[in-house]
């Protein structure tokens, strides 16, 4: 995890972070425990799948651990 992201998570009550890369047209999803993005998706795929489907995919690993 980048140092600045680690500091941001440490400084607050954050569980998730989303980074939008407008140059690459990508969305990255991070959790406070991840060393790399939990998921990356292109804008095109996000629109195609819809937000609910994307969130279900991102939340799945957390639900499998429980």
PDB file of N, CA and C in Angstrom:
ATOM      1  N   UNK A   1       0.850  -1.171   0.000  1.00  0.00           N
ATOM      2  CA  UNK A   1       0.000   0.000   0.000  1.00  0.00           C
ATOM      3  C   UNK A   1       0.899   1.238   0.000  1.00  0.00           C
ATOM      4  N   UNK A   2       0.615   2.206  -0.856  1.00  0.00           N
ATOM      5  CA  UNK A   2       1.408   3.432  -0.855  1.00  0.00           C
ATOM      6  C   UNK A   2       1.380   4.102   0.512  1.00  0.00           C
ATOM      7  N   UNK A   3       2.475   4.715   0.878  1.00  0.00           N
ATOM      8  CA  UNK A   3       2.615   5.342   2.194  1.00  0.00           C
ATOM      9  C   UNK A   3       1.518   6.369   2.446  1.00  0.00           C
ATOM     10  N   UNK A   4       1.203   7.200   1.472  1.00  0.00           N
ATOM     11  CA  UNK A   4       0.181   8.229   1.684  1.00  0.00           C
ATOM     12  C   UNK A   4      -1.179   7.599   1.957  1.00  0.00           C
ATOM     13  N   UNK A   5      -1.487   6.477   1.322  1.00  0.00           N
ATOM     14  CA  UNK A   5      -2.754   5.796   1.568  1.00  0.00           C
ATOM     15  C   UNK A   5      -2.745   5.168   2.951  1.00  0.00           C
ATOM     16  N   UNK A   6      -1.627   4.593   3.361  1.00  0.00           N
ATOM     17  CA  UNK A   6      -1.509   4.004   4.692  1.00  0.00           C
ATOM     18  C   UNK A   6      -1.731   5.075   5.766  1.00  0.00           C
ATOM     19  N   UNK A   7      -1.165   6.248   5.561  1.00  0.00           N
ATOM     20  CA  UNK A   7      -1.337   7.352   6.514  1.00  0.00           C
ATOM     21  C   UNK A   7      -2.796   7.799   6.549  1.00  0.00           C
ATOM     22  N   UNK A   8      -3.436   7.851   5.406  1.00  0.00           N
ATOM     23  CA  UNK A   8      -4.843   8.262   5.360  1.00  0.00           C
ATOM     24  C   UNK A   8      -5.722   7.285   6.125  1.00  0.00           C
ATOM     25  N   UNK A   9      -5.489   5.994   5.951  1.00  0.00           N
ATOM     26  CA  UNK A   9      -6.278   5.004   6.677  1.00  0.00           C
ATOM     27  C   UNK A   9      -6.005   5.082   8.177  1.00  0.00           C
ATOM     28  N   UNK A  10      -4.744   5.286   8.546  1.00  0.00           N
ATOM     29  CA  UNK A  10      -4.376   5.343   9.952  1.00  0.00           C
ATOM     30  C   UNK A  10      -4.975   6.567  10.638  1.00  0.00           C
ATOM     31  N   UNK A  11      -5.107   7.660   9.900  1.00  0.00           N
ATOM     32  CA  UNK A  11      -5.570   8.909  10.474  1.00  0.00           C
ATOM     33  C   UNK A  11      -7.069   9.026  10.635  1.00  0.00           C
ATOM     34  N   UNK A  12      -7.812   8.062  10.124  1.00  0.00           N
ATOM     35  CA  UNK A  12      -9.263   8.181  10.212  1.00  0.00           C
ATOM     36  C   UNK A  12      -9.922   6.839  10.381  1.00  0.00           C
ATOM     37  N   UNK A  13     -11.207   6.866  10.340  1.00  0.00           N
ATOM     38  CA  UNK A  13     -11.987   5.649  10.491  1.00  0.00           C
ATOM     39  C   UNK A  13     -12.418   5.172   9.104  1.00  0.00           C
ATOM     40  N   UNK A  14     -11.456   4.859   8.264  1.00  0.00           N
ATOM     41  CA  UNK A  14     -11.704   4.493   6.873  1.00  0.00           C
ATOM     42  C   UNK A  14     -11.624   2.984   6.699  1.00  0.00           C
ATOM     43  N   UNK A  15     -12.515   2.432   5.912  1.00  0.00           N
ATOM     44  CA  UNK A  15     -12.445   1.021   5.554  1.00  0.00           C
ATOM     45  C   UNK A  15     -12.174   0.847   4.073  1.00  0.00           C
ATOM     46  N   UNK A  16     -12.616   1.789   3.271  1.00  0.00           N
ATOM     47  CA  UNK A  16     -12.498   1.702   1.821  1.00  0.00           C
ATOM     48  C   UNK A  16     -11.912   2.995   1.266  1.00  0.00           C
ATOM     49  N   UNK A  17     -11.230   2.868   0.145  1.00  0.00           N
ATOM     50  CA  UNK A  17     -10.772   4.032  -0.611  1.00  0.00           C
ATOM     51  C   UNK A  17     -10.968   3.725  -2.090  1.00  0.00           C
ATOM     52  N   UNK A  18     -11.393   4.724  -2.821  1.00  0.00           N
ATOM     53  CA  UNK A  18     -11.598   4.572  -4.257  1.00  0.00           C
ATOM     54  C   UNK A  18     -10.757   5.629  -4.956  1.00  0.00           C
ATOM     55  N   UNK A  19      -9.973   5.205  -5.926  1.00  0.00           N
ATOM     56  CA  UNK A  19      -9.173   6.120  -6.720  1.00  0.00           C
ATOM     57  C   UNK A  19      -9.669   6.085  -8.145  1.00  0.00           C
ATOM     58  N   UNK A  20      -9.897   7.250  -8.691  1.00  0.00           N
ATOM     59  CA  UNK A  20     -10.371   7.367 -10.059  1.00  0.00           C
ATOM     60  C   UNK A  20      -9.226   7.905 -10.904  1.00  0.00           C
ATOM     61  N   UNK A  21      -8.818   7.115 -11.894  1.00  0.00           N
ATOM     62  CA  UNK A  21      -7.748   7.503 -12.806  1.00  0.00           C
ATOM     63  C   UNK A  21      -8.397   7.916 -14.126  1.00  0.00           C
ATOM     64  N   UNK A  22      -8.565   9.221 -14.302  1.00  0.00           N
ATOM     65  CA  UNK A  22      -9.230   9.726 -15.500  1.00  0.00           C
ATOM     66  C   UNK A  22      -8.374   9.549 -16.751  1.00  0.00           C
ATOM     67  N   UNK A  23      -7.054   9.494 -16.598  1.00  0.00           N
ATOM     68  CA  UNK A  23      -6.187   9.280 -17.758  1.00  0.00           C
ATOM     69  C   UNK A  23      -6.323   7.862 -18.301  1.00  0.00           C
ATOM     70  N   UNK A  24      -6.385   6.888 -17.391  1.00  0.00           N
ATOM     71  CA  UNK A  24      -6.491   5.483 -17.801  1.00  0.00           C
ATOM     72  C   UNK A  24      -7.936   4.985 -17.838  1.00  0.00           C
ATOM     73  N   UNK A  25      -8.861   5.827 -17.389  1.00  0.00           N
ATOM     74  CA  UNK A  25     -10.285   5.482 -17.339  1.00  0.00           C
ATOM     75  C   UNK A  25     -10.506   4.239 -16.480  1.00  0.00           C
ATOM     76  N   UNK A  26      -9.918   4.261 -15.283  1.00  0.00           N
ATOM     77  CA  UNK A  26      -9.990   3.123 -14.370  1.00  0.00           C
ATOM     78  C   UNK A  26     -10.419   3.585 -12.974  1.00  0.00           C
ATOM     79  N   UNK A  27     -11.076   2.674 -12.253  1.00  0.00           N
ATOM     80  CA  UNK A  27     -11.433   2.873 -10.856  1.00  0.00           C
ATOM     81  C   UNK A  27     -10.717   1.793 -10.050  1.00  0.00           C
ATOM     82  N   UNK A  28      -9.986   2.202  -9.004  1.00  0.00           N
ATOM     83  CA  UNK A  28      -9.320   1.263  -8.100  1.00  0.00           C
ATOM     84  C   UNK A  28     -10.053   1.283  -6.766  1.00  0.00           C
ATOM     85  N   UNK A  29     -10.241   0.117  -6.190  1.00  0.00           N
ATOM     86  CA  UNK A  29     -10.853  -0.015  -4.877  1.00  0.00           C
ATOM     87  C   UNK A  29      -9.818  -0.604  -3.930  1.00  0.00           C
ATOM     88  N   UNK A  30      -9.606   0.069  -2.794  1.00  0.00           N
ATOM     89  CA  UNK A  30      -8.655  -0.366  -1.769  1.00  0.00           C
ATOM     90  C   UNK A  30      -9.394  -0.582  -0.465  1.00  0.00           C
ATOM     91  N   UNK A  31      -8.860  -1.454   0.368  1.00  0.00           N
ATOM     92  CA  UNK A  31      -9.340  -1.587   1.737  1.00  0.00           C
ATOM     93  C   UNK A  31      -8.191  -1.209   2.662  1.00  0.00           C
ATOM     94  N   UNK A  32      -8.511  -0.967   3.913  1.00  0.00           N
ATOM     95  CA  UNK A  32      -7.474  -0.549   4.858  1.00  0.00           C
ATOM     96  C   UNK A  32      -6.457  -1.659   5.107  1.00  0.00           C
ATOM     97  N   UNK A  33      -6.751  -2.892   4.744  1.00  0.00           N
ATOM     98  CA  UNK A  33      -5.846  -4.016   4.975  1.00  0.00           C
ATOM     99  C   UNK A  33      -5.086  -4.455   3.735  1.00  0.00           C
ATOM    100  N   UNK A  34      -5.409  -3.904   2.561  1.00  0.00           N
ATOM    101  CA  UNK A  34      -4.800  -4.406   1.334  1.00  0.00           C
ATOM    102  C   UNK A  34      -3.455  -3.750   1.047  1.00  0.00           C
ATOM    103  N   UNK A  35      -2.562  -4.528   0.478  1.00  0.00           N
ATOM    104  CA  UNK A  35      -1.253  -4.035   0.056  1.00  0.00           C
ATOM    105  C   UNK A  35      -1.272  -3.628  -1.417  1.00  0.00           C
ATOM    106  N   UNK A  36      -2.317  -3.981  -2.103  1.00  0.00           N
ATOM    107  CA  UNK A  36      -2.524  -3.652  -3.511  1.00  0.00           C
ATOM    108  C   UNK A  36      -4.019  -3.397  -3.678  1.00  0.00           C
ATOM    109  N   UNK A  37      -4.401  -2.808  -4.796  1.00  0.00           N
ATOM    110  CA  UNK A  37      -5.843  -2.588  -4.982  1.00  0.00           C
ATOM    111  C   UNK A  37      -6.621  -3.892  -4.863  1.00  0.00           C
ATOM    112  N   UNK A  38      -7.734  -3.844  -4.175  1.00  0.00           N
ATOM    113  CA  UNK A  38      -8.612  -4.998  -4.060  1.00  0.00           C
ATOM    114  C   UNK A  38      -9.192  -5.330  -5.430  1.00  0.00           C
ATOM    115  N   UNK A  39      -9.481  -4.283  -6.202  1.00  0.00           N
ATOM    116  CA  UNK A  39     -10.057  -4.474  -7.523  1.00  0.00           C
ATOM    117  C   UNK A  39      -9.764  -3.256  -8.384  1.00  0.00           C
ATOM    118  N   UNK A  40      -9.684  -3.473  -9.674  1.00  0.00           N
ATOM    119  CA  UNK A  40      -9.565  -2.401 -10.658  1.00  0.00           C
ATOM    120  C   UNK A  40     -10.579  -2.684 -11.758  1.00  0.00           C
ATOM    121  N   UNK A  41     -11.253  -1.646 -12.208  1.00  0.00           N
ATOM    122  CA  UNK A  41     -12.251  -1.823 -13.253  1.00  0.00           C
ATOM    123  C   UNK A  41     -12.208  -0.610 -14.176  1.00  0.00           C
ATOM    124  N   UNK A  42     -12.389  -0.860 -15.460  1.00  0.00           N
ATOM    125  CA  UNK A  42     -12.443   0.251 -16.416  1.00  0.00           C
ATOM    126  C   UNK A  42     -13.800   0.928 -16.309  1.00  0.00           C
ATOM    127  N   UNK A  43     -13.850   2.187 -16.685  1.00  0.00           N
ATOM    128  CA  UNK A  43     -15.120   2.908 -16.672  1.00  0.00           C
ATOM    129  C   UNK A  43     -16.148   2.171 -17.534  1.00  0.00           C
ATOM    130  N   UNK A  44     -15.694   1.680 -18.695  1.00  0.00           N
ATOM    131  CA  UNK A  44     -16.580   0.987 -19.626  1.00  0.00           C
ATOM    132  C   UNK A  44     -17.211  -0.243 -18.961  1.00  0.00           C
ATOM    133  N   UNK A  45     -16.404  -1.046 -18.281  1.00  0.00           N
ATOM    134  CA  UNK A  45     -16.898  -2.245 -17.614  1.00  0.00           C
ATOM    135  C   UNK A  45     -17.812  -1.879 -16.447  1.00  0.00           C
ATOM    136  N   UNK A  46     -17.487  -0.814 -15.725  1.00  0.00           N
ATOM    137  CA  UNK A  46     -18.316  -0.365 -14.613  1.00  0.00           C
ATOM    138  C   UNK A  46     -19.709   0.041 -15.106  1.00  0.00           C
ATOM    139  N   UNK A  47     -19.758   0.767 -16.200  1.00  0.00           N
ATOM    140  CA  UNK A  47     -21.046   1.177 -16.769  1.00  0.00           C
ATOM    141  C   UNK A  47     -21.798  -0.053 -17.277  1.00  0.00           C
ATOM    142  N   UNK A  48     -21.069  -0.952 -17.924  1.00  0.00           N
ATOM    143  CA  UNK A  48     -21.682  -2.172 -18.470  1.00  0.00           C
ATOM    144  C   UNK A  48     -22.297  -3.036 -17.362  1.00  0.00           C
ATOM    145  N   UNK A  49     -21.557  -3.240 -16.275  1.00  0.00           N
ATOM    146  CA  UNK A  49     -22.022  -4.103 -15.187  1.00  0.00           C
ATOM    147  C   UNK A  49     -22.984  -3.400 -14.235  1.00  0.00           C
ATOM    148  N   UNK A  50     -22.815  -2.110 -14.053  1.00  0.00           N
ATOM    149  CA  UNK A  50     -23.618  -1.371 -13.096  1.00  0.00           C
ATOM    150  C   UNK A  50     -22.959  -1.369 -11.721  1.00  0.00           C
ATOM    151  N   UNK A  51     -23.281  -0.381 -10.930  1.00  0.00           N
ATOM    152  CA  UNK A  51     -22.653  -0.199  -9.625  1.00  0.00           C
ATOM    153  C   UNK A  51     -22.998  -1.344  -8.674  1.00  0.00           C
ATOM    154  N   UNK A  52     -24.253  -1.780  -8.646  1.00  0.00           N
ATOM    155  CA  UNK A  52     -24.652  -2.839  -7.719  1.00  0.00           C
ATOM    156  C   UNK A  52     -23.862  -4.120  -7.976  1.00  0.00           C
ATOM    157  N   UNK A  53     -23.692  -4.469  -9.227  1.00  0.00           N
ATOM    158  CA  UNK A  53     -22.938  -5.681  -9.579  1.00  0.00           C
ATOM    159  C   UNK A  53     -21.468  -5.537  -9.204  1.00  0.00           C
ATOM    160  N   UNK A  54     -20.923  -4.341  -9.429  1.00  0.00           N
ATOM    161  CA  UNK A  54     -19.525  -4.111  -9.070  1.00  0.00           C
ATOM    162  C   UNK A  54     -19.328  -4.228  -7.560  1.00  0.00           C
ATOM    163  N   UNK A  55     -20.194  -3.602  -6.786  1.00  0.00           N
ATOM    164  CA  UNK A  55     -20.083  -3.670  -5.330  1.00  0.00           C
ATOM    165  C   UNK A  55     -20.249  -5.097  -4.827  1.00  0.00           C
ATOM    166  N   UNK A  56     -21.122  -5.865  -5.436  1.00  0.00           N
ATOM    167  CA  UNK A  56     -21.290  -7.271  -5.045  1.00  0.00           C
ATOM    168  C   UNK A  56     -19.992  -8.034  -5.295  1.00  0.00           C
ATOM    169  N   UNK A  57     -19.328  -7.744  -6.403  1.00  0.00           N
ATOM    170  CA  UNK A  57     -18.064  -8.418  -6.719  1.00  0.00           C
ATOM    171  C   UNK A  57     -16.971  -8.015  -5.734  1.00  0.00           C
ATOM    172  N   UNK A  58     -16.899  -6.756  -5.389  1.00  0.00           N
ATOM    173  CA  UNK A  58     -15.867  -6.266  -4.479  1.00  0.00           C
ATOM    174  C   UNK A  58     -16.104  -6.776  -3.056  1.00  0.00           C
ATOM    175  N   UNK A  59     -17.352  -6.870  -2.636  1.00  0.00           N
ATOM    176  CA  UNK A  59     -17.672  -7.310  -1.277  1.00  0.00           C
ATOM    177  C   UNK A  59     -17.578  -8.819  -1.091  1.00  0.00           C
ATOM    178  N   UNK A  60     -17.562  -9.558  -2.157  1.00  0.00           N
ATOM    179  CA  UNK A  60     -17.556 -11.021  -2.066  1.00  0.00           C
ATOM    180  C   UNK A  60     -16.398 -11.588  -1.243  1.00  0.00           C
ATOM    181  N   UNK A  61     -15.142 -11.156  -1.432  1.00  0.00           N
ATOM    182  CA  UNK A  61     -14.060 -11.738  -0.629  1.00  0.00           C
ATOM    183  C   UNK A  61     -14.279 -11.550   0.865  1.00  0.00           C
ATOM    184  N   UNK A  62     -14.810 -10.416   1.258  1.00  0.00           N
ATOM    185  CA  UNK A  62     -15.074 -10.139   2.672  1.00  0.00           C
ATOM    186  C   UNK A  62     -16.129 -11.104   3.218  1.00  0.00           C
ATOM    187  N   UNK A  63     -17.159 -11.367   2.433  1.00  0.00           N
ATOM    188  CA  UNK A  63     -18.227 -12.252   2.865  1.00  0.00           C
ATOM    189  C   UNK A  63     -17.752 -13.703   2.949  1.00  0.00           C
ATOM    190  N   UNK A  64     -16.834 -14.119   2.072  1.00  0.00           N
ATOM    191  CA  UNK A  64     -16.321 -15.478   2.080  1.00  0.00           C
ATOM    192  C   UNK A  64     -15.460 -15.742   3.309  1.00  0.00           C
ATOM    193  N   UNK A  65     -14.786 -14.694   3.840  1.00  0.00           N
ATOM    194  CA  UNK A  65     -13.933 -14.844   5.016  1.00  0.00           C
ATOM    195  C   UNK A  65     -14.767 -15.055   6.274  1.00  0.00           C
ATOM    196  N   UNK A  66     -15.951 -14.465   6.314  1.00  0.00           N
ATOM    197  CA  UNK A  66     -16.793 -14.524   7.520  1.00  0.00           C
ATOM    198  C   UNK A  66     -17.404 -15.897   7.725  1.00  0.00           C
TER     199      UNK A  66
END
